[in-house]
Amino acid sequence: LELCTAVDDEFRLSQHEKSAICASSVSLATLWEQLTRACDDPAFFSVASGVRSEFSGVSSLSFSAELLRTSGCQRFGFGCRDVPADDGDVLMVTGISRGGCVEAWNDECARQRTPWKRLLLCSVVLSVNGVAGECARMRNELSASTHAVLIVCNPPSVHEALLMLRAFRTAAPVPPGSAFWAAHTAHGTARRDHVFV
């Protein structure tokens, strides 16, 4: 359960717009590797899925992330899976590449002590440069752009992240009621300091 606590701590930091010391991309990569390996053990997955925190089951904070790459040949540095949803499809972050734009973004967020702006494992991308609701169009926008403004939500707790990982690994739909981003797709972003661009 120590691993669940460490992961939950990172998700908890992502739910408050409060300056705080947070893990760098290298530390996050190690944490995500440990979590994905541990999830291969059905006993761990069963116990960890029952872990609940104060943020389990709540709507997630949304934020904008601005990623720049030098050319169309360079990758933004994250893997994603299409997640169909009634309120509009989203892209779920399934991995973050070493040396990519997302890793650089996360390191800058750690330096600036803005943990709520880091892209974490199981984050969902709501829009890419204003394109939202259709995974194919968001992917096309990512591949065609060297400058991408993403609107993103991180899971509010390890519980929601594990639900997303289970859906990803089994190619199953996201369980009903577990779309922590639903409030943002249903009404646009709830944030006043950014809009879908």
Protein backbone atom coordinates (compact mmCIF):
# COMPACT_ATOMS: atom_id res chain seq x y z
CA LEU A 1 0.00 0.00 0.00
CA GLU A 2 3.02 2.31 0.21
CA LEU A 3 3.03 2.48 -3.58
CA CYS A 4 -0.67 3.40 -3.61
CA THR A 5 -0.02 6.15 -1.07
CA ALA A 6 2.87 7.57 -3.12
CA VAL A 7 0.78 7.56 -6.32
CA ASP A 8 -2.23 9.00 -4.52
CA ASP A 9 -0.04 11.81 -3.13
CA GLU A 10 0.93 12.85 -6.68
CA PHE A 11 -2.71 12.80 -7.81
CA ARG A 12 -3.73 14.76 -4.70
CA LEU A 13 -1.19 17.47 -5.57
CA SER A 14 -2.74 17.68 -9.03
CA GLN A 15 -6.10 18.71 -7.60
CA HIS A 16 -5.10 21.98 -5.91
CA GLU A 17 -3.79 25.14 -7.54
CA LYS A 18 -1.31 25.54 -4.72
CA SER A 19 2.45 25.96 -4.98
CA ALA A 20 4.16 22.81 -3.71
CA ILE A 21 7.32 20.77 -4.10
CA CYS A 22 6.54 17.86 -6.41
CA ALA A 23 8.21 14.98 -8.16
CA SER A 24 10.31 15.55 -11.27
CA SER A 25 9.70 13.59 -14.46
CA VAL A 26 12.40 11.03 -13.53
CA SER A 27 10.74 10.35 -10.16
CA LEU A 28 7.32 10.20 -11.81
CA ALA A 29 8.59 7.75 -14.44
CA THR A 30 9.89 5.45 -11.69
CA LEU A 31 6.60 5.68 -9.83
CA TRP A 32 4.55 4.90 -12.97
CA GLU A 33 6.82 1.94 -13.81
CA GLN A 34 6.34 0.54 -10.30
CA LEU A 35 2.58 1.00 -10.51
CA THR A 36 2.19 -0.62 -13.92
CA ARG A 37 4.40 -3.56 -12.88
CA ALA A 38 2.49 -4.00 -9.62
CA CYS A 39 -0.82 -3.97 -11.52
CA ASP A 40 0.32 -7.15 -13.31
CA ASP A 41 -0.28 -8.90 -9.98
CA PRO A 42 -4.04 -9.54 -9.65
CA ALA A 43 -3.78 -9.55 -5.83
CA PHE A 44 -2.20 -6.07 -5.82
CA PHE A 45 -4.74 -4.79 -8.31
CA SER A 46 -7.61 -6.13 -6.23
CA VAL A 47 -6.37 -4.57 -2.99
CA ALA A 48 -5.26 -1.29 -4.61
CA SER A 49 -8.59 -0.85 -6.42
CA GLY A 50 -10.28 -0.67 -3.04
CA VAL A 51 -8.05 2.17 -1.81
CA ARG A 52 -10.08 5.36 -1.53
CA SER A 53 -8.91 8.86 -0.69
CA GLU A 54 -10.61 12.18 -0.06
CA PHE A 55 -10.61 12.86 -3.82
CA SER A 56 -12.03 9.49 -4.94
CA GLY A 57 -15.18 9.97 -6.96
CA VAL A 58 -14.92 13.75 -7.36
CA SER A 59 -14.65 15.84 -10.48
CA SER A 60 -11.08 16.59 -11.45
CA LEU A 61 -9.35 19.95 -11.85
CA SER A 62 -8.65 20.90 -15.46
CA PHE A 63 -5.59 22.78 -16.69
CA SER A 64 -3.87 23.84 -19.87
CA ALA A 65 -0.47 22.57 -20.99
CA GLU A 66 1.45 24.19 -23.82
CA LEU A 67 3.80 21.86 -25.65
CA LEU A 68 6.30 22.95 -28.28
CA ARG A 69 8.38 20.74 -30.52
CA THR A 70 11.09 21.89 -32.89
CA SER A 71 9.75 19.98 -35.91
CA GLY A 72 7.03 17.61 -36.98
CA CYS A 73 9.59 14.79 -36.76
CA GLN A 74 10.04 15.26 -33.00
CA ARG A 75 7.38 13.59 -30.87
CA PHE A 76 5.46 15.32 -28.09
CA GLY A 77 6.44 12.35 -25.96
CA PHE A 78 3.31 10.69 -24.69
CA GLY A 79 1.31 7.65 -25.63
CA CYS A 80 -2.46 7.77 -25.57
CA ARG A 81 -5.53 5.63 -25.99
CA ASP A 82 -8.90 6.67 -27.38
CA VAL A 83 -11.59 6.74 -24.70
CA PRO A 84 -15.07 6.98 -26.18
CA ALA A 85 -17.56 8.77 -23.92
CA ASP A 86 -21.15 9.91 -24.22
CA ASP A 87 -20.19 13.54 -23.57
CA GLY A 88 -17.34 13.49 -26.09
CA ASP A 89 -14.30 11.32 -26.64
CA VAL A 90 -11.02 11.99 -24.82
CA LEU A 91 -7.44 10.72 -25.10
CA MET A 92 -6.01 8.92 -22.05
CA VAL A 93 -2.27 9.24 -21.40
CA THR A 94 -0.86 5.71 -21.29
CA GLY A 95 2.82 6.57 -21.06
CA ILE A 96 5.31 9.41 -21.11
CA SER A 97 8.52 9.10 -23.14
CA ARG A 98 11.91 10.04 -21.78
CA GLY A 99 13.35 13.15 -23.43
CA GLY A 100 10.05 14.31 -24.94
CA CYS A 101 8.12 17.57 -24.70
CA VAL A 102 5.82 16.27 -21.95
CA GLU A 103 8.78 15.27 -19.80
CA ALA A 104 10.27 18.76 -20.27
CA TRP A 105 6.88 20.32 -19.43
CA ASN A 106 6.60 18.22 -16.25
CA ASP A 107 10.13 19.16 -15.18
CA GLU A 108 9.35 22.85 -15.69
CA CYS A 109 6.19 22.44 -13.61
CA ALA A 110 8.26 20.81 -10.84
CA ARG A 111 10.78 23.71 -10.96
CA GLN A 112 7.95 26.27 -10.82
CA ARG A 113 6.17 24.31 -8.08
CA THR A 114 2.95 23.97 -10.08
CA PRO A 115 2.14 20.27 -9.58
CA TRP A 116 -1.44 20.66 -10.81
CA LYS A 117 -0.14 21.36 -14.34
CA ARG A 118 1.83 18.12 -14.79
CA LEU A 119 0.56 15.46 -17.19
CA LEU A 120 0.36 12.23 -15.24
CA LEU A 121 -0.30 8.61 -16.15
CA CYS A 122 -4.03 8.19 -16.89
CA SER A 123 -4.53 11.93 -17.47
CA VAL A 124 -7.21 12.64 -20.05
CA VAL A 125 -6.73 15.15 -22.85
CA LEU A 126 -10.02 16.97 -23.41
CA SER A 127 -8.85 19.09 -26.34
CA VAL A 128 -5.88 19.81 -28.57
CA ASN A 129 -5.70 23.37 -29.95
CA GLY A 130 -9.46 23.67 -29.47
CA VAL A 131 -10.27 20.38 -31.20
CA ALA A 132 -12.38 18.32 -28.79
CA GLY A 133 -14.80 15.43 -28.68
CA GLU A 134 -13.33 13.23 -31.43
CA CYS A 135 -10.15 11.23 -30.85
CA ALA A 136 -9.18 10.99 -34.53
CA ARG A 137 -9.40 14.77 -34.96
CA MET A 138 -7.38 15.38 -31.76
CA ARG A 139 -4.70 12.91 -32.92
CA ASN A 140 -4.58 14.60 -36.33
CA GLU A 141 -4.16 17.98 -34.65
CA LEU A 142 -1.29 16.61 -32.56
CA SER A 143 0.47 15.13 -35.58
CA ALA A 144 0.04 18.27 -37.70
CA SER A 145 1.12 20.79 -35.03
CA THR A 146 4.47 21.80 -33.59
CA HIS A 147 2.67 23.89 -30.96
CA ALA A 148 -0.10 22.15 -29.01
CA VAL A 149 -2.25 23.64 -26.28
CA LEU A 150 -3.88 20.77 -24.40
CA ILE A 151 -6.75 20.97 -21.93
CA VAL A 152 -6.17 18.11 -19.50
CA CYS A 153 -7.57 16.52 -16.34
CA ASN A 154 -5.54 14.26 -14.05
CA PRO A 155 -7.24 11.48 -12.10
CA PRO A 156 -8.20 12.82 -8.67
CA SER A 157 -6.97 9.66 -6.91
CA VAL A 158 -5.25 6.31 -7.37
CA HIS A 159 -8.69 4.68 -7.41
CA GLU A 160 -9.70 6.46 -10.63
CA ALA A 161 -6.27 5.84 -12.18
CA LEU A 162 -6.61 2.11 -11.53
CA LEU A 163 -10.10 2.07 -13.08
CA MET A 164 -8.59 3.71 -16.17
CA LEU A 165 -5.64 1.28 -16.23
CA ARG A 166 -8.00 -1.69 -15.97
CA ALA A 167 -10.09 -0.36 -18.88
CA PHE A 168 -6.90 0.24 -20.91
CA ARG A 169 -5.46 -3.22 -20.25
CA THR A 170 -8.68 -5.08 -21.00
CA ALA A 171 -9.82 -2.83 -23.88
CA ALA A 172 -13.06 -2.40 -21.92
CA PRO A 173 -15.06 0.79 -21.74
CA VAL A 174 -14.53 3.08 -18.77
CA PRO A 175 -16.96 1.99 -16.04
CA PRO A 176 -20.09 4.16 -15.79
CA GLY A 177 -19.74 7.00 -13.31
CA SER A 178 -15.93 6.91 -13.28
CA ALA A 179 -15.30 9.61 -15.90
CA PHE A 180 -13.62 12.12 -13.58
CA TRP A 181 -13.46 14.59 -16.48
CA ALA A 182 -17.20 14.51 -17.31
CA ALA A 183 -17.99 17.92 -15.79
CA HIS A 184 -15.52 19.53 -18.19
CA THR A 185 -16.73 17.84 -21.36
CA ALA A 186 -20.39 18.42 -20.54
CA HIS A 187 -20.03 22.16 -20.00
CA GLY A 188 -16.73 23.09 -21.61
CA THR A 189 -14.01 23.84 -19.13
CA ALA A 190 -15.08 24.98 -15.70
CA ARG A 191 -11.96 27.11 -15.46
CA ARG A 192 -12.19 30.83 -16.08
CA ASP A 193 -8.48 31.39 -16.80
CA HIS A 194 -8.42 29.40 -20.04
CA VAL A 195 -10.79 28.43 -22.79
CA PHE A 196 -10.79 25.91 -25.57
CA VAL A 197 -8.50 27.57 -28.15
